[in-house]
PDB file of all heavy atoms in Angstrom:
ATOM      1  N   ARG A   1     100.432  83.193 126.500  1.00  0.00           N
ATOM      2  CA  ARG A   1     100.376  84.657 126.550  1.00  0.00           C
ATOM      3  C   ARG A   1     101.735  85.236 126.956  1.00  0.00           C
ATOM      4  O   ARG A   1     102.229  86.193 126.346  1.00  0.00           O
ATOM      5  CB  ARG A   1      99.289  85.093 127.541  1.00  0.00           C
ATOM      6  CG  ARG A   1      99.124  86.611 127.597  1.00  0.00           C
ATOM      7  CD  ARG A   1      98.201  87.004 128.715  1.00  0.00           C
ATOM      8  NE  ARG A   1      96.852  86.503 128.519  1.00  0.00           N
ATOM      9  CZ  ARG A   1      96.250  85.613 129.297  1.00  0.00           C
ATOM     10  NH1 ARG A   1      96.900  85.092 130.334  1.00  0.00           N
ATOM     11  NH2 ARG A   1      95.022  85.230 129.050  1.00  0.00           N
ATOM     12  N   LEU A   2     102.349  84.645 127.973  1.00  0.00           N
ATOM     13  CA  LEU A   2     103.663  85.120 128.423  1.00  0.00           C
ATOM     14  C   LEU A   2     104.718  84.914 127.347  1.00  0.00           C
ATOM     15  O   LEU A   2     105.571  85.789 127.126  1.00  0.00           O
ATOM     16  CB  LEU A   2     104.055  84.381 129.697  1.00  0.00           C
ATOM     17  CG  LEU A   2     105.434  84.728 130.286  1.00  0.00           C
ATOM     18  CD1 LEU A   2     105.508  86.203 130.645  1.00  0.00           C
ATOM     19  CD2 LEU A   2     105.732  83.858 131.507  1.00  0.00           C
ATOM     20  N   ALA A   3     104.674  83.783 126.655  1.00  0.00           N
ATOM     21  CA  ALA A   3     105.645  83.523 125.590  1.00  0.00           C
ATOM     22  C   ALA A   3     105.524  84.557 124.478  1.00  0.00           C
ATOM     23  O   ALA A   3     106.535  85.037 123.939  1.00  0.00           O
ATOM     24  CB  ALA A   3     105.441  82.119 125.032  1.00  0.00           C
ATOM     25  N   ALA A   4     104.304  84.932 124.111  1.00  0.00           N
ATOM     26  CA  ALA A   4     104.095  85.943 123.073  1.00  0.00           C
ATOM     27  C   ALA A   4     104.598  87.304 123.532  1.00  0.00           C
ATOM     28  O   ALA A   4     105.211  88.057 122.749  1.00  0.00           O
ATOM     29  CB  ALA A   4     102.610  86.019 122.721  1.00  0.00           C
ATOM     30  N   GLN A   5     104.361  87.636 124.783  1.00  0.00           N
ATOM     31  CA  GLN A   5     104.817  88.911 125.327  1.00  0.00           C
ATOM     32  C   GLN A   5     106.339  89.008 125.312  1.00  0.00           C
ATOM     33  O   GLN A   5     106.913  90.011 124.865  1.00  0.00           O
ATOM     34  CB  GLN A   5     104.288  89.051 126.753  1.00  0.00           C
ATOM     35  CG  GLN A   5     104.640  90.360 127.434  1.00  0.00           C
ATOM     36  CD  GLN A   5     104.154  90.353 128.878  1.00  0.00           C
ATOM     37  OE1 GLN A   5     104.489  89.468 129.653  1.00  0.00           O
ATOM     38  NE2 GLN A   5     103.336  91.342 129.221  1.00  0.00           N
ATOM     39  N   VAL A   6     107.019  87.965 125.770  1.00  0.00           N
ATOM     40  CA  VAL A   6     108.482  87.965 125.816  1.00  0.00           C
ATOM     41  C   VAL A   6     109.072  87.997 124.410  1.00  0.00           C
ATOM     42  O   VAL A   6     110.032  88.729 124.130  1.00  0.00           O
ATOM     43  CB  VAL A   6     108.987  86.742 126.597  1.00  0.00           C
ATOM     44  CG1 VAL A   6     110.505  86.612 126.478  1.00  0.00           C
ATOM     45  CG2 VAL A   6     108.579  86.832 128.053  1.00  0.00           C
ATOM     46  N   ALA A   7     108.497  87.206 123.483  1.00  0.00           N
ATOM     47  CA  ALA A   7     109.007  87.176 122.115  1.00  0.00           C
ATOM     48  C   ALA A   7     108.884  88.543 121.452  1.00  0.00           C
ATOM     49  O   ALA A   7     109.795  88.984 120.740  1.00  0.00           O
ATOM     50  CB  ALA A   7     108.246  86.120 121.307  1.00  0.00           C
ATOM     51  N   ALA A   8     107.762  89.246 121.670  1.00  0.00           N
ATOM     52  CA  ALA A   8     107.565  90.569 121.075  1.00  0.00           C
ATOM     53  C   ALA A   8     108.565  91.572 121.637  1.00  0.00           C
ATOM     54  O   ALA A   8     109.146  92.372 120.889  1.00  0.00           O
ATOM     55  CB  ALA A   8     106.140  91.044 121.319  1.00  0.00           C
ATOM     56  N   ARG A   9     108.802  91.534 122.930  1.00  0.00           N
ATOM     57  CA  ARG A   9     109.761  92.462 123.530  1.00  0.00           C
ATOM     58  C   ARG A   9     111.172  92.209 123.018  1.00  0.00           C
ATOM     59  O   ARG A   9     111.924  93.140 122.728  1.00  0.00           O
ATOM     60  CB  ARG A   9     109.707  92.339 125.054  1.00  0.00           C
ATOM     61  CG  ARG A   9     108.442  92.903 125.665  1.00  0.00           C
ATOM     62  CD  ARG A   9     108.459  92.807 127.176  1.00  0.00           C
ATOM     63  NE  ARG A   9     107.275  93.428 127.756  1.00  0.00           N
ATOM     64  CZ  ARG A   9     107.023  93.485 129.062  1.00  0.00           C
ATOM     65  NH1 ARG A   9     107.875  92.923 129.912  1.00  0.00           N
ATOM     66  NH2 ARG A   9     105.923  94.075 129.504  1.00  0.00           N
ATOM     67  N   ASP A  10     111.552  90.941 122.905  1.00  0.00           N
ATOM     68  CA  ASP A  10     112.886  90.614 122.404  1.00  0.00           C
ATOM     69  C   ASP A  10     113.036  91.049 120.947  1.00  0.00           C
ATOM     70  O   ASP A  10     114.103  91.533 120.540  1.00  0.00           O
ATOM     71  CB  ASP A  10     113.140  89.107 122.518  1.00  0.00           C
ATOM     72  CG  ASP A  10     113.315  88.661 123.957  1.00  0.00           C
ATOM     73  OD1 ASP A  10     113.518  89.532 124.837  1.00  0.00           O
ATOM     74  OD2 ASP A  10     113.240  87.444 124.223  1.00  0.00           O
ATOM     75  N   TRP A  11     111.985  90.881 120.152  1.00  0.00           N
ATOM     76  CA  TRP A  11     112.040  91.270 118.741  1.00  0.00           C
ATOM     77  C   TRP A  11     112.233  92.777 118.606  1.00  0.00           C
ATOM     78  O   TRP A  11     113.042  93.242 117.792  1.00  0.00           O
ATOM     79  CB  TRP A  11     110.761  90.835 118.033  1.00  0.00           C
ATOM     80  CG  TRP A  11     110.829  90.952 116.541  1.00  0.00           C
ATOM     81  CD1 TRP A  11     111.271  90.009 115.654  1.00  0.00           C
ATOM     82  CD2 TRP A  11     110.432  92.087 115.766  1.00  0.00           C
ATOM     83  NE1 TRP A  11     111.177  90.492 114.376  1.00  0.00           N
ATOM     84  CE2 TRP A  11     110.671  91.748 114.408  1.00  0.00           C
ATOM     85  CE3 TRP A  11     109.919  93.335 116.069  1.00  0.00           C
ATOM     86  CZ2 TRP A  11     110.398  92.644 113.366  1.00  0.00           C
ATOM     87  CZ3 TRP A  11     109.649  94.227 115.046  1.00  0.00           C
ATOM     88  CH2 TRP A  11     109.879  93.869 113.704  1.00  0.00           C
ATOM     89  N   ILE A  12     111.530  93.556 119.394  1.00  0.00           N
ATOM     90  CA  ILE A  12     111.655  95.019 119.336  1.00  0.00           C
ATOM     91  C   ILE A  12     113.016  95.460 119.846  1.00  0.00           C
ATOM     92  O   ILE A  12     113.663  96.354 119.275  1.00  0.00           O
ATOM     93  CB  ILE A  12     110.523  95.672 120.152  1.00  0.00           C
ATOM     94  CG1 ILE A  12     109.181  95.464 119.442  1.00  0.00           C
ATOM     95  CG2 ILE A  12     110.781  97.165 120.370  1.00  0.00           C
ATOM     96  CD1 ILE A  12     107.982  95.940 120.234  1.00  0.00           C
ATOM     97  N   ALA A  13     113.496  94.860 120.911  1.00  0.00           N
ATOM     98  CA  ALA A  13     114.775  95.265 121.510  1.00  0.00           C
ATOM     99  C   ALA A  13     115.947  95.056 120.567  1.00  0.00           C
ATOM    100  O   ALA A  13     116.973  95.748 120.687  1.00  0.00           O
ATOM    101  CB  ALA A  13     115.009  94.489 122.799  1.00  0.00           C
ATOM    102  N   ALA A  14     115.827  94.153 119.617  1.00  0.00           N
ATOM    103  CA  ALA A  14     116.930  93.847 118.707  1.00  0.00           C
ATOM    104  C   ALA A  14     116.923  94.719 117.456  1.00  0.00           C
ATOM    105  O   ALA A  14     117.793  94.560 116.598  1.00  0.00           O
ATOM    106  CB  ALA A  14     116.869  92.375 118.297  1.00  0.00           C
ATOM    107  N   ARG A  15     115.975  95.676 117.356  1.00  0.00           N
ATOM    108  CA  ARG A  15     115.838  96.455 116.132  1.00  0.00           C
ATOM    109  C   ARG A  15     115.669  97.941 116.428  1.00  0.00           C
ATOM    110  O   ARG A  15     115.190  98.310 117.491  1.00  0.00           O
ATOM    111  CB  ARG A  15     114.632  95.955 115.318  1.00  0.00           C
ATOM    112  CG  ARG A  15     114.868  94.583 114.716  1.00  0.00           C
ATOM    113  CD  ARG A  15     113.577  93.904 114.302  1.00  0.00           C
ATOM    114  NE  ARG A  15     113.848  92.631 113.646  1.00  0.00           N
ATOM    115  CZ  ARG A  15     114.151  91.511 114.308  1.00  0.00           C
ATOM    116  NH1 ARG A  15     114.213  91.517 115.638  1.00  0.00           N
ATOM    117  NH2 ARG A  15     114.408  90.402 113.643  1.00  0.00           N
ATOM    118  N   ALA A  16     116.072  98.766 115.450  1.00  0.00           N
ATOM    119  CA  ALA A  16     115.855 100.210 115.542  1.00  0.00           C
ATOM    120  C   ALA A  16     114.371 100.508 115.331  1.00  0.00           C
ATOM    121  O   ALA A  16     113.630  99.696 114.777  1.00  0.00           O
ATOM    122  CB  ALA A  16     116.696 100.946 114.500  1.00  0.00           C
ATOM    123  N   LEU A  17     113.959 101.697 115.773  1.00  0.00           N
ATOM    124  CA  LEU A  17     112.537 102.053 115.715  1.00  0.00           C
ATOM    125  C   LEU A  17     111.995 102.026 114.293  1.00  0.00           C
ATOM    126  O   LEU A  17     110.885 101.555 114.057  1.00  0.00           O
ATOM    127  CB  LEU A  17     112.332 103.440 116.329  1.00  0.00           C
ATOM    128  CG  LEU A  17     110.885 103.956 116.340  1.00  0.00           C
ATOM    129  CD1 LEU A  17     109.995 103.035 117.154  1.00  0.00           C
ATOM    130  CD2 LEU A  17     110.826 105.380 116.877  1.00  0.00           C
ATOM    131  N   ASP A  18     112.769 102.523 113.316  1.00  0.00           N
ATOM    132  CA  ASP A  18     112.304 102.529 111.927  1.00  0.00           C
ATOM    133  C   ASP A  18     112.003 101.109 111.451  1.00  0.00           C
ATOM    134  O   ASP A  18     111.008 100.873 110.752  1.00  0.00           O
ATOM    135  CB  ASP A  18     113.357 103.170 111.021  1.00  0.00           C
ATOM    136  CG  ASP A  18     113.461 104.674 111.221  1.00  0.00           C
ATOM    137  OD1 ASP A  18     112.552 105.235 111.871  1.00  0.00           O
ATOM    138  OD2 ASP A  18     114.435 105.276 110.749  1.00  0.00           O
ATOM    139  N   GLU A  19     112.853 100.164 111.834  1.00  0.00           N
ATOM    140  CA  GLU A  19     112.632  98.781 111.424  1.00  0.00           C
ATOM    141  C   GLU A  19     111.432  98.170 112.146  1.00  0.00           C
ATOM    142  O   GLU A  19     110.695  97.364 111.573  1.00  0.00           O
ATOM    143  CB  GLU A  19     113.885  97.953 111.700  1.00  0.00           C
ATOM    144  CG  GLU A  19     113.819  96.536 111.149  1.00  0.00           C
ATOM    145  CD  GLU A  19     115.104  95.760 111.367  1.00  0.00           C
ATOM    146  OE1 GLU A  19     116.074  96.362 111.877  1.00  0.00           O
ATOM    147  OE2 GLU A  19     115.120  94.558 111.048  1.00  0.00           O
ATOM    148  N   VAL A  20     111.227  98.574 113.389  1.00  0.00           N
ATOM    149  CA  VAL A  20     110.069  98.063 114.136  1.00  0.00           C
ATOM    150  C   VAL A  20     108.771  98.544 113.490  1.00  0.00           C
ATOM    151  O   VAL A  20     107.836  97.758 113.273  1.00  0.00           O
ATOM    152  CB  VAL A  20     110.128  98.521 115.606  1.00  0.00           C
ATOM    153  CG1 VAL A  20     108.838  98.173 116.332  1.00  0.00           C
ATOM    154  CG2 VAL A  20     111.316  97.873 116.317  1.00  0.00           C
ATOM    155  N   VAL A  21     108.720  99.832 113.161  1.00  0.00           N
ATOM    156  CA  VAL A  21     107.497 100.398 112.588  1.00  0.00           C
ATOM    157  C   VAL A  21     107.248  99.855 111.180  1.00  0.00           C
ATOM    158  O   VAL A  21     106.111  99.533 110.810  1.00  0.00           O
ATOM    159  CB  VAL A  21     107.587 101.938 112.567  1.00  0.00           C
ATOM    160  CG1 VAL A  21     106.391 102.538 111.818  1.00  0.00           C
ATOM    161  CG2 VAL A  21     107.650 102.481 113.989  1.00  0.00           C
ATOM    162  N   GLY A  22     108.308  99.725 110.393  1.00  0.00           N
ATOM    163  CA  GLY A  22     108.141  99.300 109.012  1.00  0.00           C
ATOM    164  C   GLY A  22     108.186  97.803 108.789  1.00  0.00           C
ATOM    165  O   GLY A  22     107.920  97.333 107.681  1.00  0.00           O
ATOM    166  N   GLY A  23     108.509  97.035 109.827  1.00  0.00           N
ATOM    167  CA  GLY A  23     108.697  95.606 109.636  1.00  0.00           C
ATOM    168  C   GLY A  23     107.702  94.739 110.371  1.00  0.00           C
ATOM    169  O   GLY A  23     108.025  93.606 110.748  1.00  0.00           O
ATOM    170  N   ARG A  24     106.484  95.243 110.558  1.00  0.00           N
ATOM    171  CA  ARG A  24     105.515  94.464 111.333  1.00  0.00           C
ATOM    172  C   ARG A  24     105.035  93.211 110.601  1.00  0.00           C
ATOM    173  O   ARG A  24     104.656  92.224 111.229  1.00  0.00           O
ATOM    174  CB  ARG A  24     104.343  95.348 111.736  1.00  0.00           C
ATOM    175  CG  ARG A  24     104.677  96.260 112.904  1.00  0.00           C
ATOM    176  CD  ARG A  24     103.480  97.033 113.370  1.00  0.00           C
ATOM    177  NE  ARG A  24     103.118  98.077 112.422  1.00  0.00           N
ATOM    178  CZ  ARG A  24     102.066  98.871 112.571  1.00  0.00           C
ATOM    179  NH1 ARG A  24     101.262  98.724 113.602  1.00  0.00           N
ATOM    180  NH2 ARG A  24     101.806  99.811 111.681  1.00  0.00           N
ATOM    181  N   ALA A  25     105.062  93.246 109.267  1.00  0.00           N
ATOM    182  CA  ALA A  25     104.683  92.036 108.522  1.00  0.00           C
ATOM    183  C   ALA A  25     105.706  90.923 108.771  1.00  0.00           C
ATOM    184  O   ALA A  25     105.348  89.761 108.991  1.00  0.00           O
ATOM    185  CB  ALA A  25     104.581  92.351 107.032  1.00  0.00           C
ATOM    186  N   ALA A  26     106.995  91.293 108.746  1.00  0.00           N
ATOM    187  CA  ALA A  26     108.035  90.307 109.038  1.00  0.00           C
ATOM    188  C   ALA A  26     107.957  89.855 110.485  1.00  0.00           C
ATOM    189  O   ALA A  26     108.218  88.685 110.800  1.00  0.00           O
ATOM    190  CB  ALA A  26     109.412  90.906 108.741  1.00  0.00           C
ATOM    191  N   ALA A  27     107.584  90.773 111.378  1.00  0.00           N
ATOM    192  CA  ALA A  27     107.462  90.418 112.795  1.00  0.00           C
ATOM    193  C   ALA A  27     106.405  89.338 113.003  1.00  0.00           C
ATOM    194  O   ALA A  27     106.599  88.430 113.824  1.00  0.00           O
ATOM    195  CB  ALA A  27     107.112  91.661 113.617  1.00  0.00           C
ATOM    196  N   THR A  28     105.305  89.423 112.277  1.00  0.00           N
ATOM    197  CA  THR A  28     104.245  88.431 112.440  1.00  0.00           C
ATOM    198  C   THR A  28     104.753  87.025 112.150  1.00  0.00           C
ATOM    199  O   THR A  28     104.508  86.086 112.921  1.00  0.00           O
ATOM    200  CB  THR A  28     103.060  88.762 111.511  1.00  0.00           C
ATOM    201  OG1 THR A  28     102.524  90.044 111.876  1.00  0.00           O
ATOM    202  CG2 THR A  28     101.977  87.708 111.609  1.00  0.00           C
ATOM    203  N   ALA A  29     105.487  86.868 111.042  1.00  0.00           N
ATOM    204  CA  ALA A  29     106.004  85.547 110.685  1.00  0.00           C
ATOM    205  C   ALA A  29     107.003  85.043 111.729  1.00  0.00           C
ATOM    206  O   ALA A  29     106.952  83.881 112.151  1.00  0.00           O
ATOM    207  CB  ALA A  29     106.647  85.598 109.302  1.00  0.00           C
ATOM    208  N   GLU A  30     107.920  85.926 112.152  1.00  0.00           N
ATOM    209  CA  GLU A  30     108.952  85.501 113.092  1.00  0.00           C
ATOM    210  C   GLU A  30     108.370  85.208 114.475  1.00  0.00           C
ATOM    211  O   GLU A  30     108.736  84.211 115.115  1.00  0.00           O
ATOM    212  CB  GLU A  30     110.034  86.581 113.187  1.00  0.00           C
ATOM    213  CG  GLU A  30     110.808  86.774 111.889  1.00  0.00           C
ATOM    214  CD  GLU A  30     111.872  87.846 112.020  1.00  0.00           C
ATOM    215  OE1 GLU A  30     112.398  88.038 113.128  1.00  0.00           O
ATOM    216  OE2 GLU A  30     112.174  88.500 111.005  1.00  0.00           O
ATOM    217  N   LEU A  31     107.483  86.060 114.951  1.00  0.00           N
ATOM    218  CA  LEU A  31     106.897  85.850 116.278  1.00  0.00           C
ATOM    219  C   LEU A  31     106.006  84.613 116.304  1.00  0.00           C
ATOM    220  O   LEU A  31     106.013  83.856 117.280  1.00  0.00           O
ATOM    221  CB  LEU A  31     106.102  87.088 116.696  1.00  0.00           C
ATOM    222  CG  LEU A  31     106.911  88.367 116.932  1.00  0.00           C
ATOM    223  CD1 LEU A  31     105.975  89.528 117.243  1.00  0.00           C
ATOM    224  CD2 LEU A  31     107.913  88.181 118.053  1.00  0.00           C
ATOM    225  N   THR A  32     105.249  84.406 115.234  1.00  0.00           N
ATOM    226  CA  THR A  32     104.377  83.227 115.189  1.00  0.00           C
ATOM    227  C   THR A  32     105.200  81.952 115.260  1.00  0.00           C
ATOM    228  O   THR A  32     104.876  81.021 116.013  1.00  0.00           O
ATOM    229  CB  THR A  32     103.525  83.246 113.908  1.00  0.00           C
ATOM    230  OG1 THR A  32     102.725  84.440 113.893  1.00  0.00           O
ATOM    231  CG2 THR A  32     102.612  82.038 113.850  1.00  0.00           C
ATOM    232  N   ALA A  33     106.283  81.896 114.478  1.00  0.00           N
ATOM    233  CA  ALA A  33     107.123  80.697 114.481  1.00  0.00           C
ATOM    234  C   ALA A  33     107.772  80.477 115.848  1.00  0.00           C
ATOM    235  O   ALA A  33     107.830  79.343 116.350  1.00  0.00           O
ATOM    236  CB  ALA A  33     108.194  80.820 113.398  1.00  0.00           C
TER     237      ALA A  33
END
């Protein structure tokens, strides 16, 4: 649970809001891996 929380925060912090909102499909693949 903690690993998923940290990975999601790091993924959002590295991207602009438009990319975060529009790139959730890509986020799933990257966060899962």
